[in-house]
Amino acid sequence: MAQGVYKIVTLVGASSESWEKAATVAIAQASKSLRDLRVARVVEHDIKIEEGKPNMFRVKLEVAFKYEGSS
């Protein structure tokens, strides 16, 4: 197995549809500036409620990616 160093960042995604969509939004945005995303772990999820109804699904993720330091 190849050795490597991985960095973990925390992301928060939001969607009016679902937690899965919120996670997808966060990962898609992160993939625009981070390369080689490896794994994501849901740390927390919640729902914003307005007028007694779910309004926004939010997910906090820890996302790992391979760290490439300068040589």
PDB file of N, CA and C in Angstrom:
ATOM      1  N   MET A   1       0.842  -1.177   0.000  1.00  0.00           N
ATOM      2  CA  MET A   1       0.000   0.000   0.000  1.00  0.00           C
ATOM      3  C   MET A   1       0.892   1.246   0.000  1.00  0.00           C
ATOM      4  N   ALA A   2       0.598   2.187  -0.859  1.00  0.00           N
ATOM      5  CA  ALA A   2       1.385   3.418  -0.961  1.00  0.00           C
ATOM      6  C   ALA A   2       1.173   4.278   0.271  1.00  0.00           C
ATOM      7  N   GLN A   3       2.257   4.928   0.695  1.00  0.00           N
ATOM      8  CA  GLN A   3       2.160   5.817   1.839  1.00  0.00           C
ATOM      9  C   GLN A   3       1.781   7.214   1.372  1.00  0.00           C
ATOM     10  N   GLY A   4       1.174   7.960   2.243  1.00  0.00           N
ATOM     11  CA  GLY A   4       0.793   9.325   1.886  1.00  0.00           C
ATOM     12  C   GLY A   4       0.364  10.095   3.111  1.00  0.00           C
ATOM     13  N   VAL A   5       0.180  11.361   2.919  1.00  0.00           N
ATOM     14  CA  VAL A   5      -0.315  12.236   3.980  1.00  0.00           C
ATOM     15  C   VAL A   5      -1.648  12.796   3.517  1.00  0.00           C
ATOM     16  N   TYR A   6      -2.615  12.800   4.413  1.00  0.00           N
ATOM     17  CA  TYR A   6      -3.945  13.270   4.085  1.00  0.00           C
ATOM     18  C   TYR A   6      -4.330  14.409   5.018  1.00  0.00           C
ATOM     19  N   LYS A   7      -5.012  15.376   4.491  1.00  0.00           N
ATOM     20  CA  LYS A   7      -5.496  16.522   5.254  1.00  0.00           C
ATOM     21  C   LYS A   7      -7.013  16.408   5.354  1.00  0.00           C
ATOM     22  N   ILE A   8      -7.551  16.859   6.472  1.00  0.00           N
ATOM     23  CA  ILE A   8      -8.996  16.832   6.680  1.00  0.00           C
ATOM     24  C   ILE A   8      -9.486  18.264   6.856  1.00  0.00           C
ATOM     25  N   VAL A   9     -10.517  18.612   6.106  1.00  0.00           N
ATOM     26  CA  VAL A   9     -11.149  19.922   6.243  1.00  0.00           C
ATOM     27  C   VAL A   9     -12.614  19.723   6.610  1.00  0.00           C
ATOM     28  N   THR A  10     -13.185  20.728   7.250  1.00  0.00           N
ATOM     29  CA  THR A  10     -14.601  20.675   7.618  1.00  0.00           C
ATOM     30  C   THR A  10     -15.390  21.535   6.645  1.00  0.00           C
ATOM     31  N   LEU A  11     -16.464  20.971   6.128  1.00  0.00           N
ATOM     32  CA  LEU A  11     -17.337  21.663   5.182  1.00  0.00           C
ATOM     33  C   LEU A  11     -18.755  21.673   5.724  1.00  0.00           C
ATOM     34  N   VAL A  12     -19.519  22.665   5.329  1.00  0.00           N
ATOM     35  CA  VAL A  12     -20.945  22.706   5.660  1.00  0.00           C
ATOM     36  C   VAL A  12     -21.705  22.913   4.363  1.00  0.00           C
ATOM     37  N   GLY A  13     -22.649  22.026   4.093  1.00  0.00           N
ATOM     38  CA  GLY A  13     -23.495  22.145   2.913  1.00  0.00           C
ATOM     39  C   GLY A  13     -24.936  22.336   3.329  1.00  0.00           C
ATOM     40  N   ALA A  14     -25.707  22.985   2.471  1.00  0.00           N
ATOM     41  CA  ALA A  14     -27.121  23.231   2.769  1.00  0.00           C
ATOM     42  C   ALA A  14     -27.963  22.996   1.524  1.00  0.00           C
ATOM     43  N   SER A  15     -29.178  22.491   1.748  1.00  0.00           N
ATOM     44  CA  SER A  15     -30.116  22.252   0.661  1.00  0.00           C
ATOM     45  C   SER A  15     -31.539  22.321   1.205  1.00  0.00           C
ATOM     46  N   SER A  16     -32.442  22.813   0.399  1.00  0.00           N
ATOM     47  CA  SER A  16     -33.848  22.812   0.804  1.00  0.00           C
ATOM     48  C   SER A  16     -34.509  21.461   0.528  1.00  0.00           C
ATOM     49  N   GLU A  17     -33.776  20.537  -0.111  1.00  0.00           N
ATOM     50  CA  GLU A  17     -34.343  19.237  -0.503  1.00  0.00           C
ATOM     51  C   GLU A  17     -34.060  18.108   0.486  1.00  0.00           C
ATOM     52  N   SER A  18     -32.765  17.912   0.866  1.00  0.00           N
ATOM     53  CA  SER A  18     -32.414  16.759   1.705  1.00  0.00           C
ATOM     54  C   SER A  18     -30.988  16.888   2.237  1.00  0.00           C
ATOM     55  N   TRP A  19     -30.659  16.033   3.230  1.00  0.00           N
ATOM     56  CA  TRP A  19     -29.290  15.989   3.740  1.00  0.00           C
ATOM     57  C   TRP A  19     -28.337  15.467   2.671  1.00  0.00           C
ATOM     58  N   GLU A  20     -28.789  14.502   1.880  1.00  0.00           N
ATOM     59  CA  GLU A  20     -27.936  13.962   0.816  1.00  0.00           C
ATOM     60  C   GLU A  20     -27.577  15.043  -0.200  1.00  0.00           C
ATOM     61  N   LYS A  21     -28.531  15.857  -0.550  1.00  0.00           N
ATOM     62  CA  LYS A  21     -28.279  16.956  -1.484  1.00  0.00           C
ATOM     63  C   LYS A  21     -27.333  17.981  -0.856  1.00  0.00           C
ATOM     64  N   ALA A  22     -27.504  18.248   0.424  1.00  0.00           N
ATOM     65  CA  ALA A  22     -26.620  19.182   1.122  1.00  0.00           C
ATOM     66  C   ALA A  22     -25.175  18.673   1.101  1.00  0.00           C
ATOM     67  N   ALA A  23     -24.981  17.380   1.345  1.00  0.00           N
ATOM     68  CA  ALA A  23     -23.633  16.792   1.296  1.00  0.00           C
ATOM     69  C   ALA A  23     -23.074  16.861  -0.116  1.00  0.00           C
ATOM     70  N   THR A  24     -23.901  16.583  -1.113  1.00  0.00           N
ATOM     71  CA  THR A  24     -23.470  16.641  -2.507  1.00  0.00           C
ATOM     72  C   THR A  24     -23.033  18.044  -2.893  1.00  0.00           C
ATOM     73  N   VAL A  25     -23.779  19.043  -2.443  1.00  0.00           N
ATOM     74  CA  VAL A  25     -23.444  20.442  -2.719  1.00  0.00           C
ATOM     75  C   VAL A  25     -22.087  20.787  -2.107  1.00  0.00           C
ATOM     76  N   ALA A  26     -21.854  20.396  -0.859  1.00  0.00           N
ATOM     77  CA  ALA A  26     -20.589  20.703  -0.188  1.00  0.00           C
ATOM     78  C   ALA A  26     -19.409  20.034  -0.885  1.00  0.00           C
ATOM     79  N   ILE A  27     -19.558  18.771  -1.257  1.00  0.00           N
ATOM     80  CA  ILE A  27     -18.477  18.042  -1.925  1.00  0.00           C
ATOM     81  C   ILE A  27     -18.214  18.609  -3.312  1.00  0.00           C
ATOM     82  N   ALA A  28     -19.258  18.936  -4.035  1.00  0.00           N
ATOM     83  CA  ALA A  28     -19.088  19.512  -5.374  1.00  0.00           C
ATOM     84  C   ALA A  28     -18.347  20.845  -5.307  1.00  0.00           C
ATOM     85  N   GLN A  29     -18.680  21.663  -4.325  1.00  0.00           N
ATOM     86  CA  GLN A  29     -18.002  22.952  -4.180  1.00  0.00           C
ATOM     87  C   GLN A  29     -16.537  22.743  -3.792  1.00  0.00           C
ATOM     88  N   ALA A  30     -16.279  21.835  -2.867  1.00  0.00           N
ATOM     89  CA  ALA A  30     -14.897  21.570  -2.437  1.00  0.00           C
ATOM     90  C   ALA A  30     -14.055  21.025  -3.573  1.00  0.00           C
ATOM     91  N   SER A  31     -14.650  20.213  -4.431  1.00  0.00           N
ATOM     92  CA  SER A  31     -13.887  19.604  -5.532  1.00  0.00           C
ATOM     93  C   SER A  31     -13.442  20.630  -6.578  1.00  0.00           C
ATOM     94  N   LYS A  32     -13.983  21.843  -6.508  1.00  0.00           N
ATOM     95  CA  LYS A  32     -13.546  22.897  -7.430  1.00  0.00           C
ATOM     96  C   LYS A  32     -12.169  23.432  -7.060  1.00  0.00           C
ATOM     97  N   SER A  33     -11.802  23.336  -5.778  1.00  0.00           N
ATOM     98  CA  SER A  33     -10.501  23.870  -5.367  1.00  0.00           C
ATOM     99  C   SER A  33      -9.587  22.836  -4.710  1.00  0.00           C
ATOM    100  N   LEU A  34     -10.116  21.670  -4.349  1.00  0.00           N
ATOM    101  CA  LEU A  34      -9.305  20.610  -3.755  1.00  0.00           C
ATOM    102  C   LEU A  34      -9.238  19.429  -4.710  1.00  0.00           C
ATOM    103  N   ARG A  35      -8.043  18.833  -4.806  1.00  0.00           N
ATOM    104  CA  ARG A  35      -7.902  17.673  -5.686  1.00  0.00           C
ATOM    105  C   ARG A  35      -7.809  16.399  -4.864  1.00  0.00           C
ATOM    106  N   ASP A  36      -8.138  15.308  -5.487  1.00  0.00           N
ATOM    107  CA  ASP A  36      -7.953  13.977  -4.915  1.00  0.00           C
ATOM    108  C   ASP A  36      -8.719  13.788  -3.605  1.00  0.00           C
ATOM    109  N   LEU A  37      -9.987  14.217  -3.591  1.00  0.00           N
ATOM    110  CA  LEU A  37     -10.833  13.976  -2.427  1.00  0.00           C
ATOM    111  C   LEU A  37     -10.967  12.473  -2.225  1.00  0.00           C
ATOM    112  N   ARG A  38     -10.873  12.022  -0.981  1.00  0.00           N
ATOM    113  CA  ARG A  38     -10.857  10.591  -0.711  1.00  0.00           C
ATOM    114  C   ARG A  38     -12.100  10.072  -0.008  1.00  0.00           C
ATOM    115  N   VAL A  39     -12.460  10.703   1.089  1.00  0.00           N
ATOM    116  CA  VAL A  39     -13.574  10.205   1.891  1.00  0.00           C
ATOM    117  C   VAL A  39     -14.205  11.369   2.649  1.00  0.00           C
ATOM    118  N   ALA A  40     -15.499  11.251   2.906  1.00  0.00           N
ATOM    119  CA  ALA A  40     -16.197  12.258   3.707  1.00  0.00           C
ATOM    120  C   ALA A  40     -16.935  11.548   4.836  1.00  0.00           C
ATOM    121  N   ARG A  41     -16.963  12.201   5.979  1.00  0.00           N
ATOM    122  CA  ARG A  41     -17.648  11.652   7.144  1.00  0.00           C
ATOM    123  C   ARG A  41     -18.621  12.702   7.659  1.00  0.00           C
ATOM    124  N   VAL A  42     -19.870  12.317   7.819  1.00  0.00           N
ATOM    125  CA  VAL A  42     -20.870  13.240   8.356  1.00  0.00           C
ATOM    126  C   VAL A  42     -20.621  13.396   9.853  1.00  0.00           C
ATOM    127  N   VAL A  43     -20.391  14.635  10.276  1.00  0.00           N
ATOM    128  CA  VAL A  43     -20.128  14.938  11.676  1.00  0.00           C
ATOM    129  C   VAL A  43     -21.407  15.371  12.381  1.00  0.00           C
ATOM    130  N   GLU A  44     -22.234  16.109  11.652  1.00  0.00           N
ATOM    131  CA  GLU A  44     -23.444  16.670  12.255  1.00  0.00           C
ATOM    132  C   GLU A  44     -24.439  16.979  11.144  1.00  0.00           C
ATOM    133  N   HIS A  45     -25.700  16.863  11.450  1.00  0.00           N
ATOM    134  CA  HIS A  45     -26.720  17.332  10.515  1.00  0.00           C
ATOM    135  C   HIS A  45     -27.880  17.919  11.311  1.00  0.00           C
ATOM    136  N   ASP A  46     -28.494  18.930  10.718  1.00  0.00           N
ATOM    137  CA  ASP A  46     -29.624  19.569  11.375  1.00  0.00           C
ATOM    138  C   ASP A  46     -30.588  20.113  10.322  1.00  0.00           C
ATOM    139  N   ILE A  47     -31.725  20.549  10.810  1.00  0.00           N
ATOM    140  CA  ILE A  47     -32.762  21.103   9.936  1.00  0.00           C
ATOM    141  C   ILE A  47     -33.168  22.468  10.477  1.00  0.00           C
ATOM    142  N   LYS A  48     -33.147  23.455   9.603  1.00  0.00           N
ATOM    143  CA  LYS A  48     -33.674  24.768   9.965  1.00  0.00           C
ATOM    144  C   LYS A  48     -35.187  24.720   9.749  1.00  0.00           C
ATOM    145  N   ILE A  49     -35.938  25.187  10.732  1.00  0.00           N
ATOM    146  CA  ILE A  49     -37.398  25.126  10.674  1.00  0.00           C
ATOM    147  C   ILE A  49     -37.962  26.536  10.628  1.00  0.00           C
ATOM    148  N   GLU A  50     -38.900  26.745   9.713  1.00  0.00           N
ATOM    149  CA  GLU A  50     -39.612  28.018   9.631  1.00  0.00           C
ATOM    150  C   GLU A  50     -41.101  27.731   9.518  1.00  0.00           C
ATOM    151  N   GLU A  51     -41.867  28.428  10.320  1.00  0.00           N
ATOM    152  CA  GLU A  51     -43.324  28.282  10.335  1.00  0.00           C
ATOM    153  C   GLU A  51     -43.755  26.825  10.528  1.00  0.00           C
ATOM    154  N   GLY A  52     -43.005  26.114  11.386  1.00  0.00           N
ATOM    155  CA  GLY A  52     -43.360  24.741  11.720  1.00  0.00           C
ATOM    156  C   GLY A  52     -43.030  23.707  10.664  1.00  0.00           C
ATOM    157  N   LYS A  53     -42.274  24.098   9.615  1.00  0.00           N
ATOM    158  CA  LYS A  53     -41.937  23.162   8.535  1.00  0.00           C
ATOM    159  C   LYS A  53     -40.436  23.197   8.264  1.00  0.00           C
ATOM    160  N   PRO A  54     -39.881  22.048   7.842  1.00  0.00           N
ATOM    161  CA  PRO A  54     -38.458  22.032   7.466  1.00  0.00           C
ATOM    162  C   PRO A  54     -38.206  23.028   6.336  1.00  0.00           C
ATOM    163  N   ASN A  55     -37.176  23.843   6.505  1.00  0.00           N
ATOM    164  CA  ASN A  55     -36.863  24.857   5.504  1.00  0.00           C
ATOM    165  C   ASN A  55     -35.515  24.598   4.843  1.00  0.00           C
ATOM    166  N   MET A  56     -34.539  24.113   5.636  1.00  0.00           N
ATOM    167  CA  MET A  56     -33.197  23.915   5.112  1.00  0.00           C
ATOM    168  C   MET A  56     -32.533  22.742   5.827  1.00  0.00           C
ATOM    169  N   PHE A  57     -31.980  21.811   5.047  1.00  0.00           N
ATOM    170  CA  PHE A  57     -31.217  20.691   5.579  1.00  0.00           C
ATOM    171  C   PHE A  57     -29.744  21.071   5.525  1.00  0.00           C
ATOM    172  N   ARG A  58     -29.048  20.938   6.666  1.00  0.00           N
ATOM    173  CA  ARG A  58     -27.632  21.301   6.713  1.00  0.00           C
ATOM    174  C   ARG A  58     -26.812  20.108   7.188  1.00  0.00           C
ATOM    175  N   VAL A  59     -25.635  19.946   6.582  1.00  0.00           N
ATOM    176  CA  VAL A  59     -24.740  18.848   6.919  1.00  0.00           C
ATOM    177  C   VAL A  59     -23.339  19.397   7.135  1.00  0.00           C
ATOM    178  N   LYS A  60     -22.715  18.978   8.231  1.00  0.00           N
ATOM    179  CA  LYS A  60     -21.306  19.288   8.458  1.00  0.00           C
ATOM    180  C   LYS A  60     -20.518  18.019   8.152  1.00  0.00           C
ATOM    181  N   LEU A  61     -19.537  18.139   7.263  1.00  0.00           N
ATOM    182  CA  LEU A  61     -18.729  17.000   6.830  1.00  0.00           C
ATOM    183  C   LEU A  61     -17.263  17.229   7.141  1.00  0.00           C
ATOM    184  N   GLU A  62     -16.549  16.150   7.425  1.00  0.00           N
ATOM    185  CA  GLU A  62     -15.097  16.167   7.424  1.00  0.00           C
ATOM    186  C   GLU A  62     -14.675  15.446   6.154  1.00  0.00           C
ATOM    187  N   VAL A  63     -13.930  16.127   5.314  1.00  0.00           N
ATOM    188  CA  VAL A  63     -13.522  15.574   4.011  1.00  0.00           C
ATOM    189  C   VAL A  63     -12.007  15.443   3.990  1.00  0.00           C
ATOM    190  N   ALA A  64     -11.534  14.258   3.616  1.00  0.00           N
ATOM    191  CA  ALA A  64     -10.088  14.002   3.548  1.00  0.00           C
ATOM    192  C   ALA A  64      -9.639  14.045   2.088  1.00  0.00           C
ATOM    193  N   PHE A  65      -8.456  14.625   1.883  1.00  0.00           N
ATOM    194  CA  PHE A  65      -7.855  14.639   0.553  1.00  0.00           C
ATOM    195  C   PHE A  65      -6.360  14.454   0.714  1.00  0.00           C
ATOM    196  N   LYS A  66      -5.737  13.953  -0.338  1.00  0.00           N
ATOM    197  CA  LYS A  66      -4.298  13.699  -0.299  1.00  0.00           C
ATOM    198  C   LYS A  66      -3.563  15.029  -0.292  1.00  0.00           C
ATOM    199  N   TYR A  67      -2.645  15.181   0.662  1.00  0.00           N
ATOM    200  CA  TYR A  67      -1.874  16.414   0.805  1.00  0.00           C
ATOM    201  C   TYR A  67      -0.620  16.328  -0.042  1.00  0.00           C
ATOM    202  N   GLU A  68      -0.409  17.337  -0.869  1.00  0.00           N
ATOM    203  CA  GLU A  68       0.776  17.400  -1.706  1.00  0.00           C
ATOM    204  C   GLU A  68       1.566  18.642  -1.329  1.00  0.00           C
ATOM    205  N   GLY A  69       2.548  18.475  -0.460  1.00  0.00           N
ATOM    206  CA  GLY A  69       3.367  19.598  -0.015  1.00  0.00           C
ATOM    207  C   GLY A  69       4.364  20.002  -1.087  1.00  0.00           C
ATOM    208  N   SER A  70       4.936  21.180  -0.932  1.00  0.00           N
ATOM    209  CA  SER A  70       5.937  21.630  -1.904  1.00  0.00           C
ATOM    210  C   SER A  70       7.264  20.924  -1.642  1.00  0.00           C
ATOM    211  N   SER A  71       7.957  20.595  -2.717  1.00  0.00           N
ATOM    212  CA  SER A  71       9.234  19.875  -2.579  1.00  0.00           C
ATOM    213  C   SER A  71      10.386  20.833  -2.665  1.00  0.00           C
TER     214      SER A  71
END
